Amino acid sequence: MPMSAQIPFTDELCFRALMDNTADSIYFKDRECRLQRLSRKMALSLGFTTQTEIYGKTDIDLYGEEFGKRTLLDDLKVMETEEPIIGLIESRRLKDGQINWTMASKLPIYDNNGIVIGLMGITREINDLKENEMNLQYLATHDSLTDLPNRYLMNDRLGQILTQSKRSKLIFSVFYIDLKDFKKVNDSFGHKVGDLLLQEVAKRLKDCVRPTDTVARLGGDEFVIIFAGMTRAEDVIVVAHKVDDCFDKSFLIEEHRVKVKASIGISLFPDHGEDQETLLKAADYAMYLSKQRAKNFVICPPDKYTLDKGEQPE
């Protein structure tokens, strides 16, 4: 093709092609943070048929006070400091209640004299990436069988409760729970029934605690419950009976009627320790004592978990 016949790729032609076809929201704002140009994708996502309908509007006009004020502060910072913002993660609640996640970059725009006259922004929706990230985070912090918090998340919450309790001078308790004769269930009915039983136990335990309490599965047939915000040590007896009552009724697993009880060991903050490891060990030891003494639950003795009376954990 002769050079004279080539399409003239002017700046205006390239700019228009970009603004009409890009999959990202691209926009230009003046020093008052009013939109002066924007991509067709952005106009359509906001419910407008043409870009010109939005010229002169601010983010507060388009998105409301809460989100609009946040972006206004970012815009002003970019124009006043002349420092770009790259890869800013933002979230906005839509009218249907869904959360829209985006990643934005904002850069100052200069005139021929080097004076900042506005900014350019590029925003990309990252809802799929955010969903994958949250799914991975959930899998890393929850037990795959029961959907309860796993050991990692339990330790994190226990650490938070410790900090809060030390500050507020409140007490809390740790319950270490082990199912009695769970191996017999697996041997008699198979591991599928055993897994379904663990799921049903998890549901019952969650139903008997408050939303502020934590029920976690450590693995196998071992569970931990953290009861926060107690004002009296005596309250733990009431709670212990409530947890024990969860196992009064048998479990209907497929066509099998399964009856299990639990060995429950209990430690109290600050009586049995002031750190996570000590409190968990004390509750674990008390659980061992409940097995040994054929008790449904045992509170860790005053000597904590010192094993000087011939009682050794398994």
C-alpha atoms as a PDB file:
ATOM      1  CA  MET A   1       0.000   0.000   0.000  1.00  0.00           C
ATOM      2  CA  PRO A   2       1.473   3.402  -0.938  1.00  0.00           C
ATOM      3  CA  MET A   3       2.451   5.626   1.967  1.00  0.00           C
ATOM      4  CA  SER A   4      -0.046   8.292   0.796  1.00  0.00           C
ATOM      5  CA  ALA A   5      -2.923   5.788   1.102  1.00  0.00           C
ATOM      6  CA  GLN A   6      -2.271   4.856   4.739  1.00  0.00           C
ATOM      7  CA  ILE A   7      -4.884   5.764   7.338  1.00  0.00           C
ATOM      8  CA  PRO A   8      -3.898   8.976   9.166  1.00  0.00           C
ATOM      9  CA  PHE A   9      -3.510   7.841  12.786  1.00  0.00           C
ATOM     10  CA  THR A  10      -4.111  11.225  14.354  1.00  0.00           C
ATOM     11  CA  ASP A  11      -4.103  11.693  18.107  1.00  0.00           C
ATOM     12  CA  GLU A  12      -7.834  12.448  17.981  1.00  0.00           C
ATOM     13  CA  LEU A  13      -8.621   9.247  16.064  1.00  0.00           C
ATOM     14  CA  CYS A  14      -6.559   7.087  18.426  1.00  0.00           C
ATOM     15  CA  PHE A  15      -8.051   8.779  21.498  1.00  0.00           C
ATOM     16  CA  ARG A  16     -11.607   8.240  20.257  1.00  0.00           C
ATOM     17  CA  ALA A  17     -10.934   4.574  19.415  1.00  0.00           C
ATOM     18  CA  LEU A  18      -9.506   4.031  22.881  1.00  0.00           C
ATOM     19  CA  MET A  19     -12.354   5.760  24.721  1.00  0.00           C
ATOM     20  CA  ASP A  20     -15.048   3.953  22.709  1.00  0.00           C
ATOM     21  CA  ASN A  21     -13.644   0.419  22.894  1.00  0.00           C
ATOM     22  CA  THR A  22     -11.609  -0.064  26.058  1.00  0.00           C
ATOM     23  CA  ALA A  23     -12.965  -2.502  28.629  1.00  0.00           C
ATOM     24  CA  ASP A  24     -11.777  -0.272  31.478  1.00  0.00           C
ATOM     25  CA  SER A  25     -13.343   2.908  32.826  1.00  0.00           C
ATOM     26  CA  ILE A  26     -11.088   5.786  31.741  1.00  0.00           C
ATOM     27  CA  TYR A  27     -11.833   9.353  32.785  1.00  0.00           C
ATOM     28  CA  PHE A  28     -10.381  12.849  32.924  1.00  0.00           C
ATOM     29  CA  LYS A  29     -11.244  15.369  35.647  1.00  0.00           C
ATOM     30  CA  ASP A  30     -10.511  19.067  36.093  1.00  0.00           C
ATOM     31  CA  ARG A  31      -9.121  20.691  39.242  1.00  0.00           C
ATOM     32  CA  GLU A  32     -12.646  20.762  40.725  1.00  0.00           C
ATOM     33  CA  CYS A  33     -12.863  16.982  40.271  1.00  0.00           C
ATOM     34  CA  ARG A  34     -15.557  17.325  37.586  1.00  0.00           C
ATOM     35  CA  LEU A  35     -15.582  14.777  34.791  1.00  0.00           C
ATOM     36  CA  GLN A  36     -14.550  16.257  31.430  1.00  0.00           C
ATOM     37  CA  ARG A  37     -14.047  13.122  29.375  1.00  0.00           C
ATOM     38  CA  LEU A  38     -14.757   9.423  30.013  1.00  0.00           C
ATOM     39  CA  SER A  39     -14.825   6.112  28.189  1.00  0.00           C
ATOM     40  CA  ARG A  40     -17.973   4.625  26.723  1.00  0.00           C
ATOM     41  CA  LYS A  41     -17.624   1.627  29.089  1.00  0.00           C
ATOM     42  CA  MET A  42     -17.782   3.916  32.111  1.00  0.00           C
ATOM     43  CA  ALA A  43     -20.880   5.733  30.823  1.00  0.00           C
ATOM     44  CA  LEU A  44     -22.715   2.464  30.182  1.00  0.00           C
ATOM     45  CA  SER A  45     -21.775   1.039  33.578  1.00  0.00           C
ATOM     46  CA  LEU A  46     -23.339   4.127  35.196  1.00  0.00           C
ATOM     47  CA  GLY A  47     -26.566   3.768  33.218  1.00  0.00           C
ATOM     48  CA  PHE A  48     -25.979   6.522  30.631  1.00  0.00           C
ATOM     49  CA  THR A  49     -26.175   6.036  26.878  1.00  0.00           C
ATOM     50  CA  THR A  50     -23.627   8.709  25.960  1.00  0.00           C
ATOM     51  CA  GLN A  51     -20.552  10.142  27.627  1.00  0.00           C
ATOM     52  CA  THR A  52     -21.644  13.759  27.227  1.00  0.00           C
ATOM     53  CA  GLU A  53     -24.511  13.238  29.698  1.00  0.00           C
ATOM     54  CA  ILE A  54     -21.961  12.898  32.487  1.00  0.00           C
ATOM     55  CA  TYR A  55     -19.665  15.822  31.677  1.00  0.00           C
ATOM     56  CA  GLY A  56     -19.421  18.239  34.592  1.00  0.00           C
ATOM     57  CA  LYS A  57     -20.574  15.719  37.204  1.00  0.00           C
ATOM     58  CA  THR A  58     -18.535  14.685  40.253  1.00  0.00           C
ATOM     59  CA  ASP A  59     -18.216  11.295  41.912  1.00  0.00           C
ATOM     60  CA  ILE A  60     -20.526  12.535  44.661  1.00  0.00           C
ATOM     61  CA  ASP A  61     -23.179  13.214  41.994  1.00  0.00           C
ATOM     62  CA  LEU A  62     -22.724   9.752  40.502  1.00  0.00           C
ATOM     63  CA  TYR A  63     -21.950   7.518  43.464  1.00  0.00           C
ATOM     64  CA  GLY A  64     -23.297   9.326  46.512  1.00  0.00           C
ATOM     65  CA  GLU A  65     -21.674  10.982  49.515  1.00  0.00           C
ATOM     66  CA  GLU A  66     -19.873   8.030  51.122  1.00  0.00           C
ATOM     67  CA  PHE A  67     -17.946   6.712  48.128  1.00  0.00           C
ATOM     68  CA  GLY A  68     -17.757  10.085  46.374  1.00  0.00           C
ATOM     69  CA  LYS A  69     -16.008  11.793  49.279  1.00  0.00           C
ATOM     70  CA  ARG A  70     -13.399   9.025  49.471  1.00  0.00           C
ATOM     71  CA  THR A  71     -12.503   9.352  45.799  1.00  0.00           C
ATOM     72  CA  LEU A  72     -12.567  13.165  46.063  1.00  0.00           C
ATOM     73  CA  LEU A  73      -9.835  13.062  48.702  1.00  0.00           C
ATOM     74  CA  ASP A  74      -7.707  10.756  46.543  1.00  0.00           C
ATOM     75  CA  ASP A  75      -8.193  13.011  43.507  1.00  0.00           C
ATOM     76  CA  LEU A  76      -7.209  16.157  45.391  1.00  0.00           C
ATOM     77  CA  LYS A  77      -4.132  14.445  46.808  1.00  0.00           C
ATOM     78  CA  VAL A  78      -2.961  13.432  43.324  1.00  0.00           C
ATOM     79  CA  MET A  79      -3.395  16.949  41.935  1.00  0.00           C
ATOM     80  CA  GLU A  80      -1.912  18.764  44.933  1.00  0.00           C
ATOM     81  CA  THR A  81       1.102  16.501  45.516  1.00  0.00           C
ATOM     82  CA  GLU A  82       1.570  15.594  41.836  1.00  0.00           C
ATOM     83  CA  GLU A  83       2.165  12.020  42.966  1.00  0.00           C
ATOM     84  CA  PRO A  84       0.203   9.326  41.121  1.00  0.00           C
ATOM     85  CA  ILE A  85      -1.823   6.616  42.836  1.00  0.00           C
ATOM     86  CA  ILE A  86      -1.246   3.206  41.258  1.00  0.00           C
ATOM     87  CA  GLY A  87      -3.305   0.066  41.897  1.00  0.00           C
ATOM     88  CA  LEU A  88      -5.681   1.478  44.533  1.00  0.00           C
ATOM     89  CA  ILE A  89      -8.223  -1.189  45.591  1.00  0.00           C
ATOM     90  CA  GLU A  90     -11.694   0.293  46.109  1.00  0.00           C
ATOM     91  CA  SER A  91     -15.079  -1.171  46.969  1.00  0.00           C
ATOM     92  CA  ARG A  92     -18.552   0.252  46.543  1.00  0.00           C
ATOM     93  CA  ARG A  93     -21.941  -1.162  47.514  1.00  0.00           C
ATOM     94  CA  LEU A  94     -24.323  -1.245  44.540  1.00  0.00           C
ATOM     95  CA  LYS A  95     -28.070  -0.641  44.680  1.00  0.00           C
ATOM     96  CA  ASP A  96     -28.737  -4.384  44.630  1.00  0.00           C
ATOM     97  CA  GLY A  97     -26.584  -4.839  47.735  1.00  0.00           C
ATOM     98  CA  GLN A  98     -23.624  -6.411  45.946  1.00  0.00           C
ATOM     99  CA  ILE A  99     -20.081  -5.142  46.534  1.00  0.00           C
ATOM    100  CA  ASN A 100     -18.272  -3.923  43.410  1.00  0.00           C
ATOM    101  CA  TRP A 101     -14.485  -4.246  43.684  1.00  0.00           C
ATOM    102  CA  THR A 102     -12.234  -2.131  41.471  1.00  0.00           C
ATOM    103  CA  MET A 103      -8.565  -1.290  41.050  1.00  0.00           C
ATOM    104  CA  ALA A 104      -7.831   2.325  40.134  1.00  0.00           C
ATOM    105  CA  SER A 105      -4.790   4.303  39.030  1.00  0.00           C
ATOM    106  CA  LYS A 106      -4.788   8.123  38.982  1.00  0.00           C
ATOM    107  CA  LEU A 107      -2.189  10.416  37.438  1.00  0.00           C
ATOM    108  CA  PRO A 108      -1.898  14.219  37.280  1.00  0.00           C
ATOM    109  CA  ILE A 109      -2.316  15.980  33.926  1.00  0.00           C
ATOM    110  CA  TYR A 110      -0.148  19.013  33.070  1.00  0.00           C
ATOM    111  CA  ASP A 111      -0.638  21.884  30.601  1.00  0.00           C
ATOM    112  CA  ASN A 112       2.132  23.148  28.311  1.00  0.00           C
ATOM    113  CA  ASN A 113       3.535  25.220  31.161  1.00  0.00           C
ATOM    114  CA  GLY A 114       3.835  22.256  33.524  1.00  0.00           C
ATOM    115  CA  ILE A 115       0.869  23.303  35.661  1.00  0.00           C
ATOM    116  CA  VAL A 116      -1.455  20.571  36.935  1.00  0.00           C
ATOM    117  CA  ILE A 117      -4.876  21.103  35.350  1.00  0.00           C
ATOM    118  CA  GLY A 118      -6.534  17.850  36.376  1.00  0.00           C
ATOM    119  CA  LEU A 119      -6.047  14.114  36.442  1.00  0.00           C
ATOM    120  CA  MET A 120      -6.548  10.969  34.394  1.00  0.00           C
ATOM    121  CA  GLY A 121      -7.930   7.835  35.996  1.00  0.00           C
ATOM    122  CA  ILE A 122      -8.189   4.207  34.892  1.00  0.00           C
ATOM    123  CA  THR A 123     -10.466   1.882  36.830  1.00  0.00           C
ATOM    124  CA  ARG A 124     -10.800  -1.863  36.257  1.00  0.00           C
ATOM    125  CA  GLU A 125     -13.370  -4.169  37.832  1.00  0.00           C
ATOM    126  CA  ILE A 126     -11.709  -7.009  39.745  1.00  0.00           C
ATOM    127  CA  ASN A 127     -14.737  -8.794  41.177  1.00  0.00           C
ATOM    128  CA  ASP A 128     -13.639 -12.203  39.893  1.00  0.00           C
ATOM    129  CA  LEU A 129     -10.130 -11.768  41.257  1.00  0.00           C
ATOM    130  CA  LYS A 130     -11.476 -10.568  44.610  1.00  0.00           C
ATOM    131  CA  GLU A 131     -13.871 -13.512  44.808  1.00  0.00           C
ATOM    132  CA  ASN A 132     -11.023 -15.935  44.126  1.00  0.00           C
ATOM    133  CA  GLU A 133      -8.902 -14.187  46.750  1.00  0.00           C
ATOM    134  CA  MET A 134     -11.664 -14.394  49.355  1.00  0.00           C
ATOM    135  CA  ASN A 135     -12.302 -18.052  48.488  1.00  0.00           C
ATOM    136  CA  LEU A 136      -8.619 -18.857  48.962  1.00  0.00           C
ATOM    137  CA  GLN A 137      -8.559 -16.922  52.220  1.00  0.00           C
ATOM    138  CA  TYR A 138     -11.635 -18.803  53.421  1.00  0.00           C
ATOM    139  CA  LEU A 139     -10.092 -22.166  52.515  1.00  0.00           C
ATOM    140  CA  ALA A 140      -6.914 -21.213  54.391  1.00  0.00           C
ATOM    141  CA  THR A 141      -8.794 -20.319  57.576  1.00  0.00           C
ATOM    142  CA  HIS A 142     -11.680 -22.813  57.684  1.00  0.00           C
ATOM    143  CA  ASP A 143     -12.049 -26.556  58.008  1.00  0.00           C
ATOM    144  CA  SER A 144     -13.096 -28.022  54.667  1.00  0.00           C
ATOM    145  CA  LEU A 145     -15.404 -30.651  56.180  1.00  0.00           C
ATOM    146  CA  THR A 146     -17.395 -28.598  58.710  1.00  0.00           C
ATOM    147  CA  ASP A 147     -16.820 -24.995  57.531  1.00  0.00           C
ATOM    148  CA  LEU A 148     -15.781 -24.143  61.086  1.00  0.00           C
ATOM    149  CA  PRO A 149     -12.698 -22.006  61.761  1.00  0.00           C
ATOM    150  CA  ASN A 150      -9.570 -24.144  61.665  1.00  0.00           C
ATOM    151  CA  ARG A 151      -6.630 -24.111  64.070  1.00  0.00           C
ATOM    152  CA  TYR A 152      -5.063 -21.075  62.369  1.00  0.00           C
ATOM    153  CA  LEU A 153      -8.159 -18.890  62.628  1.00  0.00           C
ATOM    154  CA  MET A 154      -8.951 -20.181  66.128  1.00  0.00           C
ATOM    155  CA  ASN A 155      -5.503 -19.099  67.323  1.00  0.00           C
ATOM    156  CA  ASP A 156      -5.953 -15.697  65.707  1.00  0.00           C
ATOM    157  CA  ARG A 157      -9.303 -15.142  67.433  1.00  0.00           C
ATOM    158  CA  LEU A 158      -7.963 -16.457  70.725  1.00  0.00           C
ATOM    159  CA  GLY A 159      -5.163 -13.899  70.504  1.00  0.00           C
ATOM    160  CA  GLN A 160      -7.664 -11.095  69.888  1.00  0.00           C
ATOM    161  CA  ILE A 161      -9.836 -12.168  72.826  1.00  0.00           C
ATOM    162  CA  LEU A 162      -6.768 -12.334  75.076  1.00  0.00           C
ATOM    163  CA  THR A 163      -5.847  -8.767  74.218  1.00  0.00           C
ATOM    164  CA  GLN A 164      -9.408  -7.530  74.754  1.00  0.00           C
ATOM    165  CA  SER A 165      -9.817  -9.419  78.031  1.00  0.00           C
ATOM    166  CA  LYS A 166      -6.563  -8.085  79.465  1.00  0.00           C
ATOM    167  CA  ARG A 167      -7.731  -4.585  78.653  1.00  0.00           C
ATOM    168  CA  SER A 168     -11.312  -4.999  79.911  1.00  0.00           C
ATOM    169  CA  LYS A 169     -10.457  -7.235  82.907  1.00  0.00           C
ATOM    170  CA  LEU A 170     -13.129  -9.730  81.806  1.00  0.00           C
ATOM    171  CA  ILE A 171     -12.668 -13.478  81.916  1.00  0.00           C
ATOM    172  CA  PHE A 172     -13.239 -16.049  79.198  1.00  0.00           C
ATOM    173  CA  SER A 173     -13.127 -19.815  78.908  1.00  0.00           C
ATOM    174  CA  VAL A 174     -11.665 -22.329  76.474  1.00  0.00           C
ATOM    175  CA  PHE A 175     -13.465 -25.652  75.950  1.00  0.00           C
ATOM    176  CA  TYR A 176     -11.491 -28.553  74.484  1.00  0.00           C
ATOM    177  CA  ILE A 177     -13.888 -31.204  73.175  1.00  0.00           C
ATOM    178  CA  ASP A 178     -13.207 -34.767  72.086  1.00  0.00           C
ATOM    179  CA  LEU A 179     -15.933 -37.182  70.967  1.00  0.00           C
ATOM    180  CA  LYS A 180     -16.145 -40.411  72.944  1.00  0.00           C
ATOM    181  CA  ASP A 181     -15.828 -43.624  70.912  1.00  0.00           C
ATOM    182  CA  PHE A 182     -15.757 -41.791  67.591  1.00  0.00           C
ATOM    183  CA  LYS A 183     -13.491 -44.503  66.195  1.00  0.00           C
ATOM    184  CA  LYS A 184     -16.256 -47.049  66.792  1.00  0.00           C
ATOM    185  CA  VAL A 185     -18.588 -44.986  64.575  1.00  0.00           C
ATOM    186  CA  ASN A 186     -16.068 -45.113  61.721  1.00  0.00           C
ATOM    187  CA  ASP A 187     -15.463 -48.813  62.260  1.00  0.00           C
ATOM    188  CA  SER A 188     -19.154 -49.695  62.476  1.00  0.00           C
ATOM    189  CA  PHE A 189     -20.673 -47.458  59.782  1.00  0.00           C
ATOM    190  CA  GLY A 190     -17.762 -46.273  57.658  1.00  0.00           C
ATOM    191  CA  HIS A 191     -15.891 -42.998  57.264  1.00  0.00           C
ATOM    192  CA  LYS A 192     -18.664 -41.369  55.251  1.00  0.00           C
ATOM    193  CA  VAL A 193     -21.036 -41.642  58.206  1.00  0.00           C
ATOM    194  CA  GLY A 194     -18.217 -40.466  60.474  1.00  0.00           C
ATOM    195  CA  ASP A 195     -17.721 -37.342  58.352  1.00  0.00           C
ATOM    196  CA  LEU A 196     -21.452 -36.623  58.306  1.00  0.00           C
ATOM    197  CA  LEU A 197     -21.533 -37.038  62.077  1.00  0.00           C
ATOM    198  CA  LEU A 198     -18.736 -34.464  62.470  1.00  0.00           C
ATOM    199  CA  GLN A 199     -20.742 -32.032  60.337  1.00  0.00           C
ATOM    200  CA  GLU A 200     -23.829 -32.516  62.499  1.00  0.00           C
ATOM    201  CA  VAL A 201     -21.799 -32.096  65.700  1.00  0.00           C
ATOM    202  CA  ALA A 202     -20.401 -28.843  64.301  1.00  0.00           C
ATOM    203  CA  LYS A 203     -23.937 -27.568  63.632  1.00  0.00           C
ATOM    204  CA  ARG A 204     -25.146 -28.423  67.145  1.00  0.00           C
ATOM    205  CA  LEU A 205     -22.161 -26.756  68.761  1.00  0.00           C
ATOM    206  CA  LYS A 206     -22.681 -23.604  66.710  1.00  0.00           C
ATOM    207  CA  ASP A 207     -26.378 -23.567  67.610  1.00  0.00           C
ATOM    208  CA  CYS A 208     -25.660 -23.665  71.351  1.00  0.00           C
ATOM    209  CA  VAL A 209     -23.258 -20.691  71.450  1.00  0.00           C
ATOM    210  CA  ARG A 210     -23.574 -16.961  70.898  1.00  0.00           C
ATOM    211  CA  PRO A 211     -22.528 -15.242  67.643  1.00  0.00           C
ATOM    212  CA  THR A 212     -19.596 -13.703  69.553  1.00  0.00           C
ATOM    213  CA  ASP A 213     -18.231 -17.118  70.562  1.00  0.00           C
ATOM    214  CA  THR A 214     -15.928 -19.209  68.381  1.00  0.00           C
ATOM    215  CA  VAL A 215     -16.410 -22.888  67.545  1.00  0.00           C
ATOM    216  CA  ALA A 216     -13.406 -24.397  65.760  1.00  0.00           C
ATOM    217  CA  ARG A 217     -12.371 -27.844  64.582  1.00  0.00           C
ATOM    218  CA  LEU A 218      -8.744 -28.732  65.191  1.00  0.00           C
ATOM    219  CA  GLY A 219      -8.900 -31.965  63.209  1.00  0.00           C
ATOM    220  CA  GLY A 220     -10.210 -35.486  63.676  1.00  0.00           C
ATOM    221  CA  ASP A 221     -12.934 -35.408  66.331  1.00  0.00           C
ATOM    222  CA  GLU A 222     -11.418 -32.520  68.322  1.00  0.00           C
ATOM    223  CA  PHE A 223     -13.206 -29.195  68.664  1.00  0.00           C
ATOM    224  CA  VAL A 224     -12.506 -26.004  70.591  1.00  0.00           C
ATOM    225  CA  ILE A 225     -15.005 -23.407  71.770  1.00  0.00           C
ATOM    226  CA  ILE A 226     -13.956 -19.979  73.046  1.00  0.00           C
ATOM    227  CA  PHE A 227     -16.552 -18.277  75.236  1.00  0.00           C
ATOM    228  CA  ALA A 228     -15.685 -14.587  75.557  1.00  0.00           C
ATOM    229  CA  GLY A 229     -16.920 -11.797  77.784  1.00  0.00           C
ATOM    230  CA  MET A 230     -17.789 -13.681  80.979  1.00  0.00           C
ATOM    231  CA  THR A 231     -18.125 -11.671  84.166  1.00  0.00           C
ATOM    232  CA  ARG A 232     -18.122 -14.553  86.689  1.00  0.00           C
ATOM    233  CA  ALA A 233     -16.164 -17.791  86.763  1.00  0.00           C
ATOM    234  CA  GLU A 234     -19.325 -19.538  87.988  1.00  0.00           C
ATOM    235  CA  ASP A 235     -20.953 -18.913  84.615  1.00  0.00           C
ATOM    236  CA  VAL A 236     -18.716 -21.540  83.055  1.00  0.00           C
ATOM    237  CA  ILE A 237     -20.676 -24.329  84.801  1.00  0.00           C
ATOM    238  CA  VAL A 238     -23.918 -23.170  83.161  1.00  0.00           C
ATOM    239  CA  VAL A 239     -22.192 -23.020  79.778  1.00  0.00           C
ATOM    240  CA  ALA A 240     -20.597 -26.438  80.278  1.00  0.00           C
ATOM    241  CA  HIS A 241     -23.981 -28.049  80.922  1.00  0.00           C
ATOM    242  CA  LYS A 242     -25.358 -26.342  77.823  1.00  0.00           C
ATOM    243  CA  VAL A 243     -22.572 -27.714  75.642  1.00  0.00           C
ATOM    244  CA  ASP A 244     -22.899 -31.165  77.193  1.00  0.00           C
ATOM    245  CA  ASP A 245     -26.655 -31.116  76.505  1.00  0.00           C
ATOM    246  CA  CYS A 246     -25.870 -30.871  72.774  1.00  0.00           C
ATOM    247  CA  PHE A 247     -25.063 -34.571  72.889  1.00  0.00           C
ATOM    248  CA  ASP A 248     -28.167 -35.767  74.760  1.00  0.00           C
ATOM    249  CA  LYS A 249     -30.060 -36.574  71.566  1.00  0.00           C
ATOM    250  CA  SER A 250     -28.776 -39.124  69.114  1.00  0.00           C
ATOM    251  CA  PHE A 251     -27.772 -38.127  65.582  1.00  0.00           C
ATOM    252  CA  LEU A 252     -29.683 -39.437  62.577  1.00  0.00           C
ATOM    253  CA  ILE A 253     -27.015 -39.985  59.909  1.00  0.00           C
ATOM    254  CA  GLU A 254     -28.559 -41.325  56.709  1.00  0.00           C
ATOM    255  CA  GLU A 255     -30.463 -44.402  57.990  1.00  0.00           C
ATOM    256  CA  HIS A 256     -28.284 -44.800  61.088  1.00  0.00           C
ATOM    257  CA  ARG A 257     -29.156 -43.622  64.584  1.00  0.00           C
ATOM    258  CA  VAL A 258     -25.800 -42.651  66.134  1.00  0.00           C
ATOM    259  CA  LYS A 259     -25.324 -41.822  69.804  1.00  0.00           C
ATOM    260  CA  VAL A 260     -22.123 -40.072  70.910  1.00  0.00           C
ATOM    261  CA  LYS A 261     -21.062 -38.149  73.974  1.00  0.00           C
ATOM    262  CA  ALA A 262     -18.205 -35.748  74.480  1.00  0.00           C
ATOM    263  CA  SER A 263     -15.272 -35.369  76.853  1.00  0.00           C
ATOM    264  CA  ILE A 264     -14.964 -31.674  77.640  1.00  0.00           C
ATOM    265  CA  GLY A 265     -11.998 -29.965  79.258  1.00  0.00           C
ATOM    266  CA  ILE A 266     -12.233 -26.333  80.357  1.00  0.00           C
ATOM    267  CA  SER A 267      -9.668 -23.654  81.165  1.00  0.00           C
ATOM    268  CA  LEU A 268     -10.293 -20.100  82.326  1.00  0.00           C
ATOM    269  CA  PHE A 269      -8.479 -16.853  81.725  1.00  0.00           C
ATOM    270  CA  PRO A 270      -6.666 -15.669  83.769  1.00  0.00           C
ATOM    271  CA  ASP A 271      -6.839 -18.525  86.319  1.00  0.00           C
ATOM    272  CA  HIS A 272      -5.192 -21.141  84.115  1.00  0.00           C
ATOM    273  CA  GLY A 273      -2.952 -19.000  81.963  1.00  0.00           C
ATOM    274  CA  GLU A 274      -2.463 -15.642  80.303  1.00  0.00           C
ATOM    275  CA  ASP A 275      -1.259 -16.792  76.909  1.00  0.00           C
ATOM    276  CA  GLN A 276      -2.802 -18.885  74.144  1.00  0.00           C
ATOM    277  CA  GLU A 277      -0.576 -21.949  74.426  1.00  0.00           C
ATOM    278  CA  THR A 278      -1.023 -22.290  78.190  1.00  0.00           C
ATOM    279  CA  LEU A 279      -4.803 -21.935  78.048  1.00  0.00           C
ATOM    280  CA  LEU A 280      -5.105 -24.524  75.278  1.00  0.00           C
ATOM    281  CA  LYS A 281      -2.808 -26.954  77.099  1.00  0.00           C
ATOM    282  CA  ALA A 282      -4.784 -26.508  80.306  1.00  0.00           C
ATOM    283  CA  ALA A 283      -8.080 -27.193  78.516  1.00  0.00           C
ATOM    284  CA  ASP A 284      -6.544 -30.190  76.740  1.00  0.00           C
ATOM    285  CA  TYR A 285      -5.306 -31.586  80.044  1.00  0.00           C
ATOM    286  CA  ALA A 286      -8.727 -31.067  81.640  1.00  0.00           C
ATOM    287  CA  MET A 287     -10.246 -32.952  78.707  1.00  0.00           C
ATOM    288  CA  TYR A 288      -7.865 -35.825  79.406  1.00  0.00           C
ATOM    289  CA  LEU A 289      -9.029 -35.808  83.043  1.00  0.00           C
ATOM    290  CA  SER A 290     -12.677 -35.934  81.935  1.00  0.00           C
ATOM    291  CA  LYS A 291     -11.880 -39.089  79.960  1.00  0.00           C
ATOM    292  CA  GLN A 292      -9.906 -40.659  82.767  1.00  0.00           C
ATOM    293  CA  ARG A 293     -12.531 -39.914  85.414  1.00  0.00           C
ATOM    294  CA  ALA A 294     -15.502 -40.738  83.131  1.00  0.00           C
ATOM    295  CA  LYS A 295     -16.846 -37.210  83.563  1.00  0.00           C
ATOM    296  CA  ASN A 296     -18.671 -35.309  80.856  1.00  0.00           C
ATOM    297  CA  PHE A 297     -16.672 -32.171  81.640  1.00  0.00           C
ATOM    298  CA  VAL A 298     -13.838 -31.156  83.942  1.00  0.00           C
ATOM    299  CA  ILE A 299     -12.504 -27.688  84.743  1.00  0.00           C
ATOM    300  CA  CYS A 300      -8.739 -27.582  84.910  1.00  0.00           C
ATOM    301  CA  PRO A 301      -7.675 -28.105  88.563  1.00  0.00           C
ATOM    302  CA  PRO A 302      -6.052 -25.284  90.545  1.00  0.00           C
ATOM    303  CA  ASP A 303      -2.579 -26.688  89.890  1.00  0.00           C
ATOM    304  CA  LYS A 304      -3.306 -26.010  86.209  1.00  0.00           C
ATOM    305  CA  TYR A 305      -1.916 -28.858  84.129  1.00  0.00           C
ATOM    306  CA  THR A 306       1.112 -29.813  86.235  1.00  0.00           C
ATOM    307  CA  LEU A 307       1.299 -33.593  86.087  1.00  0.00           C
ATOM    308  CA  ASP A 308       2.650 -34.488  89.502  1.00  0.00           C
ATOM    309  CA  LYS A 309      -0.090 -36.833  90.721  1.00  0.00           C
ATOM    310  CA  GLY A 310       0.577 -39.765  88.451  1.00  0.00           C
ATOM    311  CA  GLU A 311      -1.931 -38.527  85.855  1.00  0.00           C
ATOM    312  CA  GLN A 312      -0.330 -38.538  82.442  1.00  0.00           C
ATOM    313  CA  PRO A 313      -2.125 -37.551  79.230  1.00  0.00           C
ATOM    314  CA  GLU A 314      -2.330 -40.090  76.478  1.00  0.00           C
END
